[in-house]
Amino acid sequence: DTDRALVLLEEYCKKLRKPEEQQLKKAIRKVMGIFKSSLFQALLGSFKKKATRHGTTSHTSLPAALACDVLGYPKD
């Protein structure tokens, strides 16, 4: 879910302290802002409804899966 993705991204951001990592940290914070936006939440809700109607839901949420992929974490 989105909350899990935000937690993972926040944890990763806390580790970014070097000057050369600040651009990445800024980009991750932008992604976090997008995940928190009402537009993203509405689109995600629409996606979930459509996937449910077509029987294509999975146990892994889209935002959490994306965060795990980017950060190299296991999806479990």
PDB file of N, CA and C in Angstrom:
ATOM      1  N   ASP A   1       0.822  -1.187   0.000  1.00  0.00           N
ATOM      2  CA  ASP A   1       0.000   0.000   0.000  1.00  0.00           C
ATOM      3  C   ASP A   1       0.864   1.248   0.000  1.00  0.00           C
ATOM      4  N   THR A   2       0.235   2.362  -0.217  1.00  0.00           N
ATOM      5  CA  THR A   2       0.961   3.626  -0.324  1.00  0.00           C
ATOM      6  C   THR A   2       1.697   3.963   0.964  1.00  0.00           C
ATOM      7  N   ASP A   3       1.084   3.679   2.093  1.00  0.00           N
ATOM      8  CA  ASP A   3       1.724   3.982   3.378  1.00  0.00           C
ATOM      9  C   ASP A   3       3.031   3.204   3.541  1.00  0.00           C
ATOM     10  N   ARG A   4       3.024   1.948   3.134  1.00  0.00           N
ATOM     11  CA  ARG A   4       4.247   1.132   3.220  1.00  0.00           C
ATOM     12  C   ARG A   4       5.333   1.706   2.315  1.00  0.00           C
ATOM     13  N   ALA A   5       4.945   2.109   1.123  1.00  0.00           N
ATOM     14  CA  ALA A   5       5.914   2.698   0.192  1.00  0.00           C
ATOM     15  C   ALA A   5       6.514   3.976   0.782  1.00  0.00           C
ATOM     16  N   LEU A   6       5.676   4.787   1.395  1.00  0.00           N
ATOM     17  CA  LEU A   6       6.162   6.033   1.991  1.00  0.00           C
ATOM     18  C   LEU A   6       7.130   5.763   3.139  1.00  0.00           C
ATOM     19  N   VAL A   7       6.837   4.756   3.944  1.00  0.00           N
ATOM     20  CA  VAL A   7       7.741   4.394   5.045  1.00  0.00           C
ATOM     21  C   VAL A   7       9.088   3.944   4.494  1.00  0.00           C
ATOM     22  N   LEU A   8       9.067   3.090   3.469  1.00  0.00           N
ATOM     23  CA  LEU A   8      10.313   2.612   2.868  1.00  0.00           C
ATOM     24  C   LEU A   8      11.132   3.758   2.274  1.00  0.00           C
ATOM     25  N   LEU A   9      10.456   4.646   1.588  1.00  0.00           N
ATOM     26  CA  LEU A   9      11.158   5.775   0.975  1.00  0.00           C
ATOM     27  C   LEU A   9      11.719   6.719   2.035  1.00  0.00           C
ATOM     28  N   GLU A  10      10.974   6.955   3.093  1.00  0.00           N
ATOM     29  CA  GLU A  10      11.444   7.824   4.180  1.00  0.00           C
ATOM     30  C   GLU A  10      12.677   7.219   4.852  1.00  0.00           C
ATOM     31  N   GLU A  11      12.642   5.914   5.104  1.00  0.00           N
ATOM     32  CA  GLU A  11      13.796   5.235   5.701  1.00  0.00           C
ATOM     33  C   GLU A  11      15.026   5.372   4.810  1.00  0.00           C
ATOM     34  N   TYR A  12      14.828   5.210   3.522  1.00  0.00           N
ATOM     35  CA  TYR A  12      15.942   5.328   2.579  1.00  0.00           C
ATOM     36  C   TYR A  12      16.488   6.759   2.563  1.00  0.00           C
ATOM     37  N   CYS A  13      15.599   7.734   2.585  1.00  0.00           N
ATOM     38  CA  CYS A  13      16.026   9.140   2.569  1.00  0.00           C
ATOM     39  C   CYS A  13      16.889   9.481   3.777  1.00  0.00           C
ATOM     40  N   LYS A  14      16.579   8.894   4.915  1.00  0.00           N
ATOM     41  CA  LYS A  14      17.358   9.159   6.133  1.00  0.00           C
ATOM     42  C   LYS A  14      18.799   8.700   5.989  1.00  0.00           C
ATOM     43  N   LYS A  15      19.035   7.734   5.111  1.00  0.00           N
ATOM     44  CA  LYS A  15      20.384   7.211   4.898  1.00  0.00           C
ATOM     45  C   LYS A  15      21.192   8.062   3.922  1.00  0.00           C
ATOM     46  N   LEU A  16      20.535   8.934   3.201  1.00  0.00           N
ATOM     47  CA  LEU A  16      21.204   9.756   2.186  1.00  0.00           C
ATOM     48  C   LEU A  16      21.734  11.027   2.837  1.00  0.00           C
ATOM     49  N   ARG A  17      23.014  11.029   3.156  1.00  0.00           N
ATOM     50  CA  ARG A  17      23.606  12.167   3.872  1.00  0.00           C
ATOM     51  C   ARG A  17      24.745  12.835   3.099  1.00  0.00           C
ATOM     52  N   LYS A  18      25.323  12.103   2.177  1.00  0.00           N
ATOM     53  CA  LYS A  18      26.453  12.654   1.433  1.00  0.00           C
ATOM     54  C   LYS A  18      25.980  13.744   0.473  1.00  0.00           C
ATOM     55  N   PRO A  19      26.828  14.730   0.211  1.00  0.00           N
ATOM     56  CA  PRO A  19      26.437  15.805  -0.716  1.00  0.00           C
ATOM     57  C   PRO A  19      26.014  15.290  -2.095  1.00  0.00           C
ATOM     58  N   GLU A  20      26.696  14.264  -2.587  1.00  0.00           N
ATOM     59  CA  GLU A  20      26.362  13.750  -3.919  1.00  0.00           C
ATOM     60  C   GLU A  20      25.037  12.968  -3.926  1.00  0.00           C
ATOM     61  N   GLU A  21      24.487  12.676  -2.761  1.00  0.00           N
ATOM     62  CA  GLU A  21      23.219  11.952  -2.668  1.00  0.00           C
ATOM     63  C   GLU A  21      22.008  12.879  -2.523  1.00  0.00           C
ATOM     64  N   GLN A  22      22.261  14.159  -2.399  1.00  0.00           N
ATOM     65  CA  GLN A  22      21.171  15.093  -2.132  1.00  0.00           C
ATOM     66  C   GLN A  22      20.209  15.252  -3.311  1.00  0.00           C
ATOM     67  N   GLN A  23      20.708  15.118  -4.522  1.00  0.00           N
ATOM     68  CA  GLN A  23      19.826  15.191  -5.689  1.00  0.00           C
ATOM     69  C   GLN A  23      18.868  13.994  -5.694  1.00  0.00           C
ATOM     70  N   LEU A  24      19.384  12.822  -5.372  1.00  0.00           N
ATOM     71  CA  LEU A  24      18.542  11.628  -5.269  1.00  0.00           C
ATOM     72  C   LEU A  24      17.515  11.797  -4.154  1.00  0.00           C
ATOM     73  N   LYS A  25      17.948  12.330  -3.036  1.00  0.00           N
ATOM     74  CA  LYS A  25      17.047  12.558  -1.905  1.00  0.00           C
ATOM     75  C   LYS A  25      15.912  13.503  -2.301  1.00  0.00           C
ATOM     76  N   LYS A  26      16.251  14.527  -3.041  1.00  0.00           N
ATOM     77  CA  LYS A  26      15.244  15.489  -3.503  1.00  0.00           C
ATOM     78  C   LYS A  26      14.239  14.806  -4.445  1.00  0.00           C
ATOM     79  N   ALA A  27      14.733  13.960  -5.341  1.00  0.00           N
ATOM     80  CA  ALA A  27      13.856  13.241  -6.273  1.00  0.00           C
ATOM     81  C   ALA A  27      12.930  12.272  -5.527  1.00  0.00           C
ATOM     82  N   ILE A  28      13.465  11.599  -4.531  1.00  0.00           N
ATOM     83  CA  ILE A  28      12.649  10.671  -3.742  1.00  0.00           C
ATOM     84  C   ILE A  28      11.572  11.438  -2.989  1.00  0.00           C
ATOM     85  N   ARG A  29      11.911  12.588  -2.463  1.00  0.00           N
ATOM     86  CA  ARG A  29      10.918  13.411  -1.752  1.00  0.00           C
ATOM     87  C   ARG A  29       9.801  13.857  -2.714  1.00  0.00           C
ATOM     88  N   LYS A  30      10.137  14.117  -3.978  1.00  0.00           N
ATOM     89  CA  LYS A  30       9.109  14.450  -4.973  1.00  0.00           C
ATOM     90  C   LYS A  30       8.170  13.269  -5.187  1.00  0.00           C
ATOM     91  N   VAL A  31       8.746  12.074  -5.294  1.00  0.00           N
ATOM     92  CA  VAL A  31       7.929  10.872  -5.451  1.00  0.00           C
ATOM     93  C   VAL A  31       7.012  10.695  -4.247  1.00  0.00           C
ATOM     94  N   MET A  32       7.546  10.937  -3.064  1.00  0.00           N
ATOM     95  CA  MET A  32       6.737  10.831  -1.847  1.00  0.00           C
ATOM     96  C   MET A  32       5.571  11.823  -1.886  1.00  0.00           C
ATOM     97  N   GLY A  33       5.835  13.003  -2.373  1.00  0.00           N
ATOM     98  CA  GLY A  33       4.773  14.000  -2.499  1.00  0.00           C
ATOM     99  C   GLY A  33       3.696  13.555  -3.477  1.00  0.00           C
ATOM    100  N   ILE A  34       4.125  12.917  -4.552  1.00  0.00           N
ATOM    101  CA  ILE A  34       3.164  12.400  -5.533  1.00  0.00           C
ATOM    102  C   ILE A  34       2.308  11.316  -4.898  1.00  0.00           C
ATOM    103  N   PHE A  35       2.952  10.393  -4.172  1.00  0.00           N
ATOM    104  CA  PHE A  35       2.201   9.317  -3.518  1.00  0.00           C
ATOM    105  C   PHE A  35       1.165   9.878  -2.544  1.00  0.00           C
ATOM    106  N   LYS A  36       1.467  11.016  -1.917  1.00  0.00           N
ATOM    107  CA  LYS A  36       0.551  11.623  -0.945  1.00  0.00           C
ATOM    108  C   LYS A  36      -0.548  12.452  -1.603  1.00  0.00           C
ATOM    109  N   SER A  37      -0.400  12.772  -2.879  1.00  0.00           N
ATOM    110  CA  SER A  37      -1.348  13.663  -3.546  1.00  0.00           C
ATOM    111  C   SER A  37      -2.716  13.029  -3.737  1.00  0.00           C
ATOM    112  N   SER A  38      -3.719  13.852  -3.704  1.00  0.00           N
ATOM    113  CA  SER A  38      -5.087  13.361  -3.893  1.00  0.00           C
ATOM    114  C   SER A  38      -5.285  12.834  -5.318  1.00  0.00           C
ATOM    115  N   LEU A  39      -4.605  13.406  -6.309  1.00  0.00           N
ATOM    116  CA  LEU A  39      -4.716  12.919  -7.680  1.00  0.00           C
ATOM    117  C   LEU A  39      -4.179  11.493  -7.778  1.00  0.00           C
ATOM    118  N   PHE A  40      -3.014  11.238  -7.205  1.00  0.00           N
ATOM    119  CA  PHE A  40      -2.441   9.893  -7.239  1.00  0.00           C
ATOM    120  C   PHE A  40      -3.362   8.900  -6.546  1.00  0.00           C
ATOM    121  N   GLN A  41      -3.886   9.291  -5.385  1.00  0.00           N
ATOM    122  CA  GLN A  41      -4.784   8.406  -4.637  1.00  0.00           C
ATOM    123  C   GLN A  41      -6.038   8.093  -5.454  1.00  0.00           C
ATOM    124  N   ALA A  42      -6.569   9.093  -6.151  1.00  0.00           N
ATOM    125  CA  ALA A  42      -7.754   8.876  -6.984  1.00  0.00           C
ATOM    126  C   ALA A  42      -7.437   7.943  -8.153  1.00  0.00           C
ATOM    127  N   LEU A  43      -6.299   8.151  -8.798  1.00  0.00           N
ATOM    128  CA  LEU A  43      -5.902   7.286  -9.906  1.00  0.00           C
ATOM    129  C   LEU A  43      -5.650   5.858  -9.423  1.00  0.00           C
ATOM    130  N   LEU A  44      -5.036   5.729  -8.275  1.00  0.00           N
ATOM    131  CA  LEU A  44      -4.782   4.408  -7.714  1.00  0.00           C
ATOM    132  C   LEU A  44      -6.093   3.700  -7.384  1.00  0.00           C
ATOM    133  N   GLY A  45      -7.031   4.440  -6.821  1.00  0.00           N
ATOM    134  CA  GLY A  45      -8.342   3.865  -6.522  1.00  0.00           C
ATOM    135  C   GLY A  45      -9.041   3.407  -7.782  1.00  0.00           C
ATOM    136  N   SER A  46      -8.961   4.197  -8.837  1.00  0.00           N
ATOM    137  CA  SER A  46      -9.564   3.836 -10.120  1.00  0.00           C
ATOM    138  C   SER A  46      -8.898   2.595 -10.695  1.00  0.00           C
ATOM    139  N   PHE A  47      -7.576   2.536 -10.609  1.00  0.00           N
ATOM    140  CA  PHE A  47      -6.821   1.386 -11.096  1.00  0.00           C
ATOM    141  C   PHE A  47      -7.231   0.119 -10.351  1.00  0.00           C
ATOM    142  N   LYS A  48      -7.351   0.224  -9.024  1.00  0.00           N
ATOM    143  CA  LYS A  48      -7.724  -0.934  -8.217  1.00  0.00           C
ATOM    144  C   LYS A  48      -9.131  -1.416  -8.561  1.00  0.00           C
ATOM    145  N   LYS A  49     -10.060  -0.488  -8.755  1.00  0.00           N
ATOM    146  CA  LYS A  49     -11.430  -0.865  -9.116  1.00  0.00           C
ATOM    147  C   LYS A  49     -11.458  -1.585 -10.454  1.00  0.00           C
ATOM    148  N   LYS A  50     -10.717  -1.043 -11.419  1.00  0.00           N
ATOM    149  CA  LYS A  50     -10.677  -1.646 -12.752  1.00  0.00           C
ATOM    150  C   LYS A  50     -10.027  -3.031 -12.700  1.00  0.00           C
ATOM    151  N   ALA A  51      -8.943  -3.158 -11.947  1.00  0.00           N
ATOM    152  CA  ALA A  51      -8.257  -4.442 -11.828  1.00  0.00           C
ATOM    153  C   ALA A  51      -9.152  -5.472 -11.148  1.00  0.00           C
ATOM    154  N   THR A  52      -9.899  -5.043 -10.152  1.00  0.00           N
ATOM    155  CA  THR A  52     -10.807  -5.952  -9.456  1.00  0.00           C
ATOM    156  C   THR A  52     -11.895  -6.448 -10.397  1.00  0.00           C
ATOM    157  N   ARG A  53     -12.449  -5.560 -11.216  1.00  0.00           N
ATOM    158  CA  ARG A  53     -13.486  -5.949 -12.178  1.00  0.00           C
ATOM    159  C   ARG A  53     -12.976  -6.964 -13.181  1.00  0.00           C
ATOM    160  N   HIS A  54     -11.693  -6.837 -13.543  1.00  0.00           N
ATOM    161  CA  HIS A  54     -11.113  -7.727 -14.553  1.00  0.00           C
ATOM    162  C   HIS A  54     -10.404  -8.930 -13.936  1.00  0.00           C
ATOM    163  N   GLY A  55     -10.436  -9.020 -12.613  1.00  0.00           N
ATOM    164  CA  GLY A  55      -9.819 -10.159 -11.941  1.00  0.00           C
ATOM    165  C   GLY A  55      -8.318 -10.189 -12.002  1.00  0.00           C
ATOM    166  N   THR A  56      -7.682  -9.006 -12.067  1.00  0.00           N
ATOM    167  CA  THR A  56      -6.228  -8.956 -12.187  1.00  0.00           C
ATOM    168  C   THR A  56      -5.563  -8.352 -10.961  1.00  0.00           C
ATOM    169  N   THR A  57      -6.204  -8.448  -9.811  1.00  0.00           N
ATOM    170  CA  THR A  57      -5.589  -7.893  -8.598  1.00  0.00           C
ATOM    171  C   THR A  57      -4.479  -8.807  -8.129  1.00  0.00           C
ATOM    172  N   SER A  58      -3.530  -8.242  -7.416  1.00  0.00           N
ATOM    173  CA  SER A  58      -2.465  -9.044  -6.819  1.00  0.00           C
ATOM    174  C   SER A  58      -2.321  -8.618  -5.369  1.00  0.00           C
ATOM    175  N   HIS A  59      -1.562  -9.378  -4.613  1.00  0.00           N
ATOM    176  CA  HIS A  59      -1.402  -9.076  -3.197  1.00  0.00           C
ATOM    177  C   HIS A  59      -0.434  -7.919  -2.967  1.00  0.00           C
ATOM    178  N   THR A  60       0.462  -7.670  -3.878  1.00  0.00           N
ATOM    179  CA  THR A  60       1.425  -6.584  -3.742  1.00  0.00           C
ATOM    180  C   THR A  60       0.831  -5.309  -4.314  1.00  0.00           C
ATOM    181  N   SER A  61       0.838  -4.250  -3.522  1.00  0.00           N
ATOM    182  CA  SER A  61       0.289  -2.989  -4.002  1.00  0.00           C
ATOM    183  C   SER A  61       1.269  -2.316  -4.954  1.00  0.00           C
ATOM    184  N   LEU A  62       0.737  -1.532  -5.851  1.00  0.00           N
ATOM    185  CA  LEU A  62       1.556  -0.841  -6.843  1.00  0.00           C
ATOM    186  C   LEU A  62       2.584   0.103  -6.214  1.00  0.00           C
ATOM    187  N   PRO A  63       2.205   1.020  -5.307  1.00  0.00           N
ATOM    188  CA  PRO A  63       3.204   1.923  -4.730  1.00  0.00           C
ATOM    189  C   PRO A  63       4.285   1.192  -3.942  1.00  0.00           C
ATOM    190  N   ALA A  64       3.895   0.215  -3.142  1.00  0.00           N
ATOM    191  CA  ALA A  64       4.880  -0.522  -2.352  1.00  0.00           C
ATOM    192  C   ALA A  64       5.808  -1.324  -3.266  1.00  0.00           C
ATOM    193  N   ALA A  65       5.259  -1.931  -4.310  1.00  0.00           N
ATOM    194  CA  ALA A  65       6.082  -2.694  -5.256  1.00  0.00           C
ATOM    195  C   ALA A  65       7.079  -1.774  -5.952  1.00  0.00           C
ATOM    196  N   LEU A  66       6.644  -0.594  -6.326  1.00  0.00           N
ATOM    197  CA  LEU A  66       7.523   0.368  -6.977  1.00  0.00           C
ATOM    198  C   LEU A  66       8.650   0.783  -6.043  1.00  0.00           C
ATOM    199  N   ALA A  67       8.302   1.106  -4.803  1.00  0.00           N
ATOM    200  CA  ALA A  67       9.323   1.510  -3.837  1.00  0.00           C
ATOM    201  C   ALA A  67      10.314   0.378  -3.592  1.00  0.00           C
ATOM    202  N   CYS A  68       9.820  -0.845  -3.459  1.00  0.00           N
ATOM    203  CA  CYS A  68      10.704  -1.994  -3.244  1.00  0.00           C
ATOM    204  C   CYS A  68      11.639  -2.199  -4.424  1.00  0.00           C
ATOM    205  N   ASP A  69      11.124  -2.065  -5.638  1.00  0.00           N
ATOM    206  CA  ASP A  69      11.958  -2.218  -6.828  1.00  0.00           C
ATOM    207  C   ASP A  69      13.056  -1.161  -6.871  1.00  0.00           C
ATOM    208  N   VAL A  70      12.683   0.076  -6.616  1.00  0.00           N
ATOM    209  CA  VAL A  70      13.641   1.173  -6.677  1.00  0.00           C
ATOM    210  C   VAL A  70      14.716   1.013  -5.610  1.00  0.00           C
ATOM    211  N   LEU A  71      14.308   0.598  -4.420  1.00  0.00           N
ATOM    212  CA  LEU A  71      15.238   0.518  -3.302  1.00  0.00           C
ATOM    213  C   LEU A  71      15.926  -0.836  -3.186  1.00  0.00           C
ATOM    214  N   GLY A  72      15.483  -1.826  -3.994  1.00  0.00           N
ATOM    215  CA  GLY A  72      16.096  -3.139  -3.960  1.00  0.00           C
ATOM    216  C   GLY A  72      15.679  -3.975  -2.774  1.00  0.00           C
ATOM    217  N   TYR A  73      14.529  -3.674  -2.181  1.00  0.00           N
ATOM    218  CA  TYR A  73      14.010  -4.441  -1.048  1.00  0.00           C
ATOM    219  C   TYR A  73      13.156  -5.596  -1.525  1.00  0.00           C
ATOM    220  N   PRO A  74      13.074  -6.661  -0.725  1.00  0.00           N
ATOM    221  CA  PRO A  74      12.134  -7.744  -1.080  1.00  0.00           C
ATOM    222  C   PRO A  74      10.699  -7.251  -0.948  1.00  0.00           C
ATOM    223  N   LYS A  75       9.798  -7.782  -1.729  1.00  0.00           N
ATOM    224  CA  LYS A  75       8.404  -7.312  -1.766  1.00  0.00           C
ATOM    225  C   LYS A  75       7.523  -7.969  -0.716  1.00  0.00           C
ATOM    226  N   ASP A  76       8.037  -8.899   0.051  1.00  0.00           N
ATOM    227  CA  ASP A  76       7.220  -9.607   1.044  1.00  0.00           C
ATOM    228  C   ASP A  76       6.919  -8.764   2.235  1.00  0.00           C
TER     229      ASP A  76
END
